[in-house]
Amino acid sequence: MENEKNKILIIDDDKLLLDMYSMKFKEKGFEVVSSLGSLDALAKLREGLKPKVILLDLVMPAIDGFELLETAKKEMLGGQSLYIVLSNLGQDSDIERAKNLGADGYVVKASVTPSEVVTHVLGVIEAKRKETEV
């Protein structure tokens, strides 16, 4: 099986943002798999994709990010993947809901640059690594 240590699945319904984040993560050495929406992402996960990180938007057609997160967790998709929400929804209730559904991190798009998103994701990976060492 291929090494999935630095693989990231980025899910967004905005192709421009998807391409921009893909480029930023590739620059940091990630192998990027992108999905233009939740249905495509679910299909990839159900086919056995197990990335290190799943970075997902919340506001998407067909299935929103909350439902995607809930379904993926319920079906145990992605193995030990870290789920990090990247959304413009910044209300405490949205953040709380995502965390309750199993999100490992939450980033409000409007308040960070793409480079800061990468830094945040690396921080979540490092924090989880330290947790598992204890």
N, C-alpha and C. Protein backbone atom coordinates (compact mmCIF):
# COMPACT_ATOMS: atom_id res chain seq x y z
N MET A 1 0.84 -1.20 0.00
CA MET A 1 0.00 0.00 0.00
C MET A 1 0.88 1.25 0.00
N GLU A 2 0.44 2.25 -0.72
CA GLU A 2 1.26 3.46 -0.83
C GLU A 2 1.29 4.21 0.50
N ASN A 3 2.32 4.99 0.67
CA ASN A 3 2.47 5.78 1.88
C ASN A 3 1.49 6.95 1.84
N GLU A 4 0.58 7.00 2.79
CA GLU A 4 -0.44 8.05 2.79
C GLU A 4 -0.16 9.10 3.86
N LYS A 5 1.08 9.10 4.37
CA LYS A 5 1.46 9.97 5.48
C LYS A 5 1.21 11.44 5.16
N ASN A 6 1.53 11.88 3.95
CA ASN A 6 1.38 13.29 3.61
C ASN A 6 0.32 13.51 2.54
N LYS A 7 -0.68 12.66 2.52
CA LYS A 7 -1.76 12.82 1.54
C LYS A 7 -2.88 13.62 2.17
N ILE A 8 -3.41 14.57 1.41
CA ILE A 8 -4.52 15.39 1.88
C ILE A 8 -5.63 15.38 0.84
N LEU A 9 -6.86 15.23 1.31
CA LEU A 9 -8.04 15.34 0.46
C LEU A 9 -8.66 16.70 0.74
N ILE A 10 -8.74 17.53 -0.30
CA ILE A 10 -9.33 18.86 -0.15
C ILE A 10 -10.68 18.85 -0.86
N ILE A 11 -11.72 19.25 -0.13
CA ILE A 11 -13.08 19.21 -0.66
C ILE A 11 -13.68 20.62 -0.64
N ASP A 12 -14.02 21.12 -1.81
CA ASP A 12 -14.65 22.44 -1.92
C ASP A 12 -15.42 22.47 -3.23
N ASP A 13 -16.51 23.21 -3.29
CA ASP A 13 -17.27 23.30 -4.53
C ASP A 13 -16.82 24.47 -5.39
N ASP A 14 -15.81 25.21 -4.95
CA ASP A 14 -15.27 26.34 -5.70
C ASP A 14 -13.94 25.90 -6.33
N LYS A 15 -13.95 25.72 -7.66
CA LYS A 15 -12.76 25.19 -8.34
C LYS A 15 -11.54 26.09 -8.16
N LEU A 16 -11.74 27.39 -8.18
CA LEU A 16 -10.64 28.33 -8.00
C LEU A 16 -9.96 28.13 -6.64
N LEU A 17 -10.77 28.04 -5.59
CA LEU A 17 -10.22 27.82 -4.25
C LEU A 17 -9.56 26.45 -4.15
N LEU A 18 -10.19 25.45 -4.74
CA LEU A 18 -9.65 24.09 -4.73
C LEU A 18 -8.26 24.07 -5.36
N ASP A 19 -8.12 24.73 -6.51
CA ASP A 19 -6.83 24.78 -7.20
C ASP A 19 -5.79 25.54 -6.38
N MET A 20 -6.21 26.65 -5.76
CA MET A 20 -5.29 27.47 -4.99
C MET A 20 -4.78 26.71 -3.76
N TYR A 21 -5.70 26.07 -3.02
CA TYR A 21 -5.27 25.31 -1.84
C TYR A 21 -4.44 24.10 -2.24
N SER A 22 -4.79 23.47 -3.35
CA SER A 22 -4.01 22.32 -3.84
C SER A 22 -2.57 22.74 -4.09
N MET A 23 -2.39 23.89 -4.74
CA MET A 23 -1.05 24.39 -5.03
C MET A 23 -0.27 24.66 -3.74
N LYS A 24 -0.92 25.30 -2.77
CA LYS A 24 -0.25 25.63 -1.50
C LYS A 24 0.20 24.37 -0.76
N PHE A 25 -0.65 23.35 -0.74
CA PHE A 25 -0.28 22.12 -0.03
C PHE A 25 0.80 21.34 -0.79
N LYS A 26 0.75 21.37 -2.12
CA LYS A 26 1.79 20.71 -2.91
C LYS A 26 3.16 21.36 -2.66
N GLU A 27 3.16 22.69 -2.51
CA GLU A 27 4.40 23.42 -2.22
C GLU A 27 5.03 22.96 -0.91
N LYS A 28 4.20 22.48 0.03
CA LYS A 28 4.69 22.02 1.33
C LYS A 28 4.92 20.51 1.36
N GLY A 29 4.88 19.88 0.18
CA GLY A 29 5.23 18.47 0.10
C GLY A 29 4.07 17.50 0.26
N PHE A 30 2.86 18.00 0.29
CA PHE A 30 1.70 17.11 0.39
C PHE A 30 1.36 16.52 -0.97
N GLU A 31 0.87 15.30 -0.96
CA GLU A 31 0.26 14.73 -2.15
C GLU A 31 -1.21 15.10 -2.04
N VAL A 32 -1.72 15.84 -3.02
CA VAL A 32 -3.07 16.38 -2.94
C VAL A 32 -4.04 15.59 -3.81
N VAL A 33 -5.16 15.23 -3.20
CA VAL A 33 -6.31 14.69 -3.92
C VAL A 33 -7.41 15.71 -3.71
N SER A 34 -8.03 16.16 -4.80
CA SER A 34 -9.08 17.17 -4.63
C SER A 34 -10.42 16.63 -5.11
N SER A 35 -11.47 17.13 -4.47
CA SER A 35 -12.84 16.77 -4.84
C SER A 35 -13.65 18.04 -4.97
N LEU A 36 -14.32 18.16 -6.09
CA LEU A 36 -15.18 19.32 -6.34
C LEU A 36 -16.57 18.99 -5.81
N GLY A 37 -16.69 18.97 -4.49
CA GLY A 37 -17.96 18.69 -3.84
C GLY A 37 -17.97 17.40 -3.04
N SER A 38 -19.00 17.27 -2.20
CA SER A 38 -19.11 16.17 -1.24
C SER A 38 -19.35 14.81 -1.87
N LEU A 39 -20.16 14.76 -2.93
CA LEU A 39 -20.48 13.47 -3.52
C LEU A 39 -19.24 12.80 -4.09
N ASP A 40 -18.40 13.57 -4.77
CA ASP A 40 -17.14 13.05 -5.30
C ASP A 40 -16.23 12.60 -4.17
N ALA A 41 -16.16 13.39 -3.11
CA ALA A 41 -15.32 13.05 -1.96
C ALA A 41 -15.78 11.76 -1.30
N LEU A 42 -17.09 11.62 -1.10
CA LEU A 42 -17.62 10.40 -0.49
C LEU A 42 -17.29 9.18 -1.35
N ALA A 43 -17.41 9.32 -2.66
CA ALA A 43 -17.09 8.21 -3.55
C ALA A 43 -15.63 7.79 -3.39
N LYS A 44 -14.73 8.76 -3.33
CA LYS A 44 -13.29 8.45 -3.17
C LYS A 44 -13.02 7.77 -1.84
N LEU A 45 -13.66 8.26 -0.78
CA LEU A 45 -13.46 7.67 0.54
C LEU A 45 -14.04 6.26 0.60
N ARG A 46 -15.18 6.07 -0.02
CA ARG A 46 -15.79 4.73 -0.02
C ARG A 46 -14.98 3.73 -0.85
N GLU A 47 -14.19 4.27 -1.81
CA GLU A 47 -13.31 3.40 -2.60
C GLU A 47 -12.03 3.05 -1.84
N GLY A 48 -11.87 3.61 -0.63
CA GLY A 48 -10.74 3.24 0.20
C GLY A 48 -9.67 4.29 0.39
N LEU A 49 -9.89 5.51 -0.08
CA LEU A 49 -8.91 6.57 0.12
C LEU A 49 -8.78 6.84 1.62
N LYS A 50 -7.53 6.85 2.10
CA LYS A 50 -7.26 7.12 3.52
C LYS A 50 -6.15 8.16 3.65
N PRO A 51 -6.49 9.42 3.40
CA PRO A 51 -5.47 10.47 3.50
C PRO A 51 -5.15 10.79 4.96
N LYS A 52 -4.04 11.45 5.17
CA LYS A 52 -3.66 11.90 6.51
C LYS A 52 -4.67 12.94 6.99
N VAL A 53 -5.07 13.85 6.06
CA VAL A 53 -5.97 14.95 6.40
C VAL A 53 -7.08 15.06 5.37
N ILE A 54 -8.28 15.35 5.85
CA ILE A 54 -9.40 15.68 4.98
C ILE A 54 -9.81 17.11 5.34
N LEU A 55 -9.60 18.01 4.38
CA LEU A 55 -9.91 19.43 4.56
C LEU A 55 -11.20 19.71 3.82
N LEU A 56 -12.27 20.07 4.54
CA LEU A 56 -13.55 20.20 3.87
C LEU A 56 -14.26 21.50 4.15
N ASP A 57 -14.94 21.98 3.11
CA ASP A 57 -15.80 23.15 3.21
C ASP A 57 -17.13 22.69 3.81
N LEU A 58 -17.92 23.62 4.32
CA LEU A 58 -19.23 23.27 4.86
C LEU A 58 -20.36 23.61 3.91
N VAL A 59 -20.26 24.75 3.22
CA VAL A 59 -21.34 25.19 2.35
C VAL A 59 -21.10 24.64 0.95
N MET A 60 -21.80 23.54 0.64
CA MET A 60 -21.68 22.89 -0.67
C MET A 60 -23.04 22.36 -1.08
N PRO A 61 -23.27 22.27 -2.39
CA PRO A 61 -24.56 21.73 -2.86
C PRO A 61 -24.63 20.21 -2.63
N ALA A 62 -25.81 19.66 -2.78
CA ALA A 62 -26.09 18.22 -2.63
C ALA A 62 -25.96 17.79 -1.17
N ILE A 63 -24.74 17.67 -0.69
CA ILE A 63 -24.50 17.30 0.71
C ILE A 63 -23.57 18.37 1.30
N ASP A 64 -24.01 19.01 2.38
CA ASP A 64 -23.12 20.02 2.97
C ASP A 64 -22.02 19.34 3.78
N GLY A 65 -21.07 20.14 4.22
CA GLY A 65 -19.92 19.60 4.94
C GLY A 65 -20.28 18.94 6.26
N PHE A 66 -21.31 19.44 6.93
CA PHE A 66 -21.74 18.81 8.18
C PHE A 66 -22.20 17.38 7.91
N GLU A 67 -23.04 17.23 6.88
CA GLU A 67 -23.56 15.90 6.54
C GLU A 67 -22.44 14.99 6.05
N LEU A 68 -21.51 15.54 5.28
CA LEU A 68 -20.36 14.77 4.82
C LEU A 68 -19.55 14.26 6.01
N LEU A 69 -19.28 15.14 6.96
CA LEU A 69 -18.52 14.78 8.15
C LEU A 69 -19.24 13.69 8.94
N GLU A 70 -20.53 13.88 9.13
CA GLU A 70 -21.33 12.91 9.88
C GLU A 70 -21.34 11.55 9.19
N THR A 71 -21.54 11.55 7.87
CA THR A 71 -21.57 10.30 7.11
C THR A 71 -20.22 9.60 7.13
N ALA A 72 -19.16 10.37 6.92
CA ALA A 72 -17.82 9.79 6.88
C ALA A 72 -17.46 9.17 8.24
N LYS A 73 -17.81 9.84 9.32
CA LYS A 73 -17.52 9.31 10.65
C LYS A 73 -18.37 8.06 10.94
N LYS A 74 -19.65 8.12 10.58
CA LYS A 74 -20.56 7.01 10.82
C LYS A 74 -20.11 5.76 10.06
N GLU A 75 -19.67 5.96 8.81
CA GLU A 75 -19.25 4.83 7.97
C GLU A 75 -17.76 4.50 8.16
N MET A 76 -17.11 5.23 9.08
CA MET A 76 -15.69 5.04 9.37
C MET A 76 -14.83 5.12 8.11
N LEU A 77 -15.11 6.15 7.30
CA LEU A 77 -14.36 6.37 6.06
C LEU A 77 -13.08 7.14 6.37
N GLY A 78 -12.06 6.87 5.60
CA GLY A 78 -10.82 7.62 5.75
C GLY A 78 -9.89 7.08 6.82
N GLY A 79 -10.25 5.99 7.48
CA GLY A 79 -9.37 5.41 8.48
C GLY A 79 -9.10 6.39 9.61
N GLN A 80 -7.82 6.66 9.84
CA GLN A 80 -7.40 7.57 10.92
C GLN A 80 -7.25 9.01 10.45
N SER A 81 -7.87 9.36 9.33
CA SER A 81 -7.75 10.71 8.79
C SER A 81 -8.16 11.76 9.80
N LEU A 82 -7.46 12.89 9.75
CA LEU A 82 -7.85 14.05 10.54
C LEU A 82 -8.81 14.88 9.70
N TYR A 83 -9.94 15.23 10.27
CA TYR A 83 -10.93 16.05 9.56
C TYR A 83 -10.81 17.49 10.02
N ILE A 84 -10.52 18.38 9.07
CA ILE A 84 -10.38 19.80 9.39
C ILE A 84 -11.34 20.58 8.50
N VAL A 85 -12.19 21.36 9.14
CA VAL A 85 -13.17 22.18 8.42
C VAL A 85 -12.51 23.49 8.00
N LEU A 86 -12.75 23.87 6.74
CA LEU A 86 -12.29 25.16 6.20
C LEU A 86 -13.52 25.84 5.62
N SER A 87 -14.07 26.80 6.35
CA SER A 87 -15.35 27.37 5.95
C SER A 87 -15.43 28.85 6.27
N ASN A 88 -16.35 29.53 5.61
CA ASN A 88 -16.63 30.92 5.95
C ASN A 88 -17.66 31.01 7.07
N LEU A 89 -18.24 29.87 7.46
CA LEU A 89 -19.16 29.87 8.59
C LEU A 89 -18.32 29.97 9.87
N GLY A 90 -18.42 31.11 10.54
CA GLY A 90 -17.57 31.33 11.70
C GLY A 90 -18.31 31.46 13.01
N GLN A 91 -19.61 31.19 13.01
CA GLN A 91 -20.38 31.28 14.25
C GLN A 91 -19.94 30.19 15.22
N ASP A 92 -19.98 30.50 16.50
CA ASP A 92 -19.62 29.51 17.52
C ASP A 92 -20.46 28.24 17.37
N SER A 93 -21.74 28.41 17.01
CA SER A 93 -22.62 27.25 16.88
C SER A 93 -22.16 26.33 15.73
N ASP A 94 -21.65 26.91 14.65
CA ASP A 94 -21.15 26.12 13.52
C ASP A 94 -19.88 25.36 13.93
N ILE A 95 -18.99 26.06 14.62
CA ILE A 95 -17.73 25.45 15.07
C ILE A 95 -18.03 24.32 16.04
N GLU A 96 -18.94 24.58 16.98
CA GLU A 96 -19.32 23.57 17.98
C GLU A 96 -19.95 22.35 17.30
N ARG A 97 -20.82 22.59 16.33
CA ARG A 97 -21.47 21.49 15.62
C ARG A 97 -20.45 20.63 14.89
N ALA A 98 -19.50 21.27 14.21
CA ALA A 98 -18.47 20.53 13.48
C ALA A 98 -17.62 19.69 14.44
N LYS A 99 -17.24 20.28 15.57
CA LYS A 99 -16.43 19.54 16.56
C LYS A 99 -17.22 18.37 17.12
N ASN A 100 -18.52 18.57 17.38
CA ASN A 100 -19.36 17.49 17.90
C ASN A 100 -19.50 16.35 16.90
N LEU A 101 -19.41 16.68 15.62
CA LEU A 101 -19.50 15.65 14.57
C LEU A 101 -18.15 14.96 14.33
N GLY A 102 -17.10 15.45 15.01
CA GLY A 102 -15.82 14.78 14.91
C GLY A 102 -14.71 15.54 14.22
N ALA A 103 -14.92 16.83 13.95
CA ALA A 103 -13.85 17.61 13.31
C ALA A 103 -12.68 17.76 14.28
N ASP A 104 -11.47 17.60 13.75
CA ASP A 104 -10.26 17.73 14.55
C ASP A 104 -9.75 19.17 14.57
N GLY A 105 -10.25 19.99 13.65
CA GLY A 105 -9.82 21.37 13.57
C GLY A 105 -10.84 22.18 12.79
N TYR A 106 -10.75 23.51 12.90
CA TYR A 106 -11.71 24.39 12.23
C TYR A 106 -11.00 25.68 11.87
N VAL A 107 -11.09 26.06 10.61
CA VAL A 107 -10.46 27.29 10.15
C VAL A 107 -11.52 28.13 9.43
N VAL A 108 -11.62 29.41 9.81
CA VAL A 108 -12.54 30.32 9.12
C VAL A 108 -11.78 30.93 7.94
N LYS A 109 -12.22 30.59 6.73
CA LYS A 109 -11.54 31.02 5.49
C LYS A 109 -11.25 32.51 5.45
N ALA A 110 -12.27 33.30 5.79
CA ALA A 110 -12.16 34.75 5.63
C ALA A 110 -11.08 35.38 6.50
N SER A 111 -10.68 34.69 7.56
CA SER A 111 -9.73 35.31 8.49
C SER A 111 -8.29 34.83 8.32
N VAL A 112 -8.03 33.98 7.31
CA VAL A 112 -6.66 33.47 7.11
C VAL A 112 -6.28 33.46 5.63
N THR A 113 -4.98 33.52 5.39
CA THR A 113 -4.46 33.39 4.03
C THR A 113 -4.31 31.89 3.73
N PRO A 114 -4.21 31.53 2.45
CA PRO A 114 -3.98 30.11 2.11
C PRO A 114 -2.73 29.54 2.80
N SER A 115 -1.68 30.33 2.91
CA SER A 115 -0.47 29.85 3.59
C SER A 115 -0.74 29.58 5.07
N GLU A 116 -1.56 30.41 5.68
CA GLU A 116 -1.92 30.20 7.09
C GLU A 116 -2.77 28.95 7.26
N VAL A 117 -3.57 28.61 6.25
CA VAL A 117 -4.37 27.38 6.30
C VAL A 117 -3.41 26.18 6.36
N VAL A 118 -2.38 26.20 5.52
CA VAL A 118 -1.40 25.12 5.52
C VAL A 118 -0.72 25.02 6.89
N THR A 119 -0.33 26.16 7.43
CA THR A 119 0.30 26.20 8.75
C THR A 119 -0.63 25.62 9.82
N HIS A 120 -1.91 25.98 9.75
CA HIS A 120 -2.90 25.47 10.71
C HIS A 120 -3.01 23.95 10.60
N VAL A 121 -3.11 23.45 9.38
CA VAL A 121 -3.23 22.00 9.16
C VAL A 121 -1.99 21.29 9.72
N LEU A 122 -0.82 21.82 9.45
CA LEU A 122 0.41 21.22 9.99
C LEU A 122 0.40 21.23 11.51
N GLY A 123 -0.16 22.28 12.11
CA GLY A 123 -0.28 22.36 13.56
C GLY A 123 -1.21 21.30 14.13
N VAL A 124 -2.32 21.04 13.45
CA VAL A 124 -3.26 20.00 13.90
C VAL A 124 -2.60 18.63 13.80
N ILE A 125 -1.88 18.39 12.70
CA ILE A 125 -1.17 17.12 12.53
C ILE A 125 -0.17 16.92 13.67
N GLU A 126 0.59 17.95 13.98
CA GLU A 126 1.60 17.87 15.04
C GLU A 126 0.95 17.64 16.40
N ALA A 127 -0.15 18.35 16.68
CA ALA A 127 -0.84 18.19 17.96
C ALA A 127 -1.37 16.76 18.10
N LYS A 128 -1.93 16.21 17.05
CA LYS A 128 -2.44 14.83 17.09
C LYS A 128 -1.32 13.84 17.27
N ARG A 129 -0.17 14.10 16.63
CA ARG A 129 0.99 13.22 16.76
C ARG A 129 1.45 13.18 18.22
N LYS A 130 1.49 14.35 18.84
CA LYS A 130 1.91 14.42 20.24
C LYS A 130 0.91 13.71 21.17
N GLU A 131 -0.38 13.84 20.85
CA GLU A 131 -1.42 13.15 21.64
C GLU A 131 -1.22 11.64 21.63
N THR A 132 -0.88 11.11 20.46
CA THR A 132 -0.76 9.66 20.33
C THR A 132 0.54 9.14 20.94
N GLU A 133 1.50 10.02 21.18
CA GLU A 133 2.76 9.60 21.80
C GLU A 133 2.61 9.39 23.30
N VAL A 134 1.61 10.04 23.89
CA VAL A 134 1.44 9.99 25.35
C VAL A 134 0.93 8.65 25.80
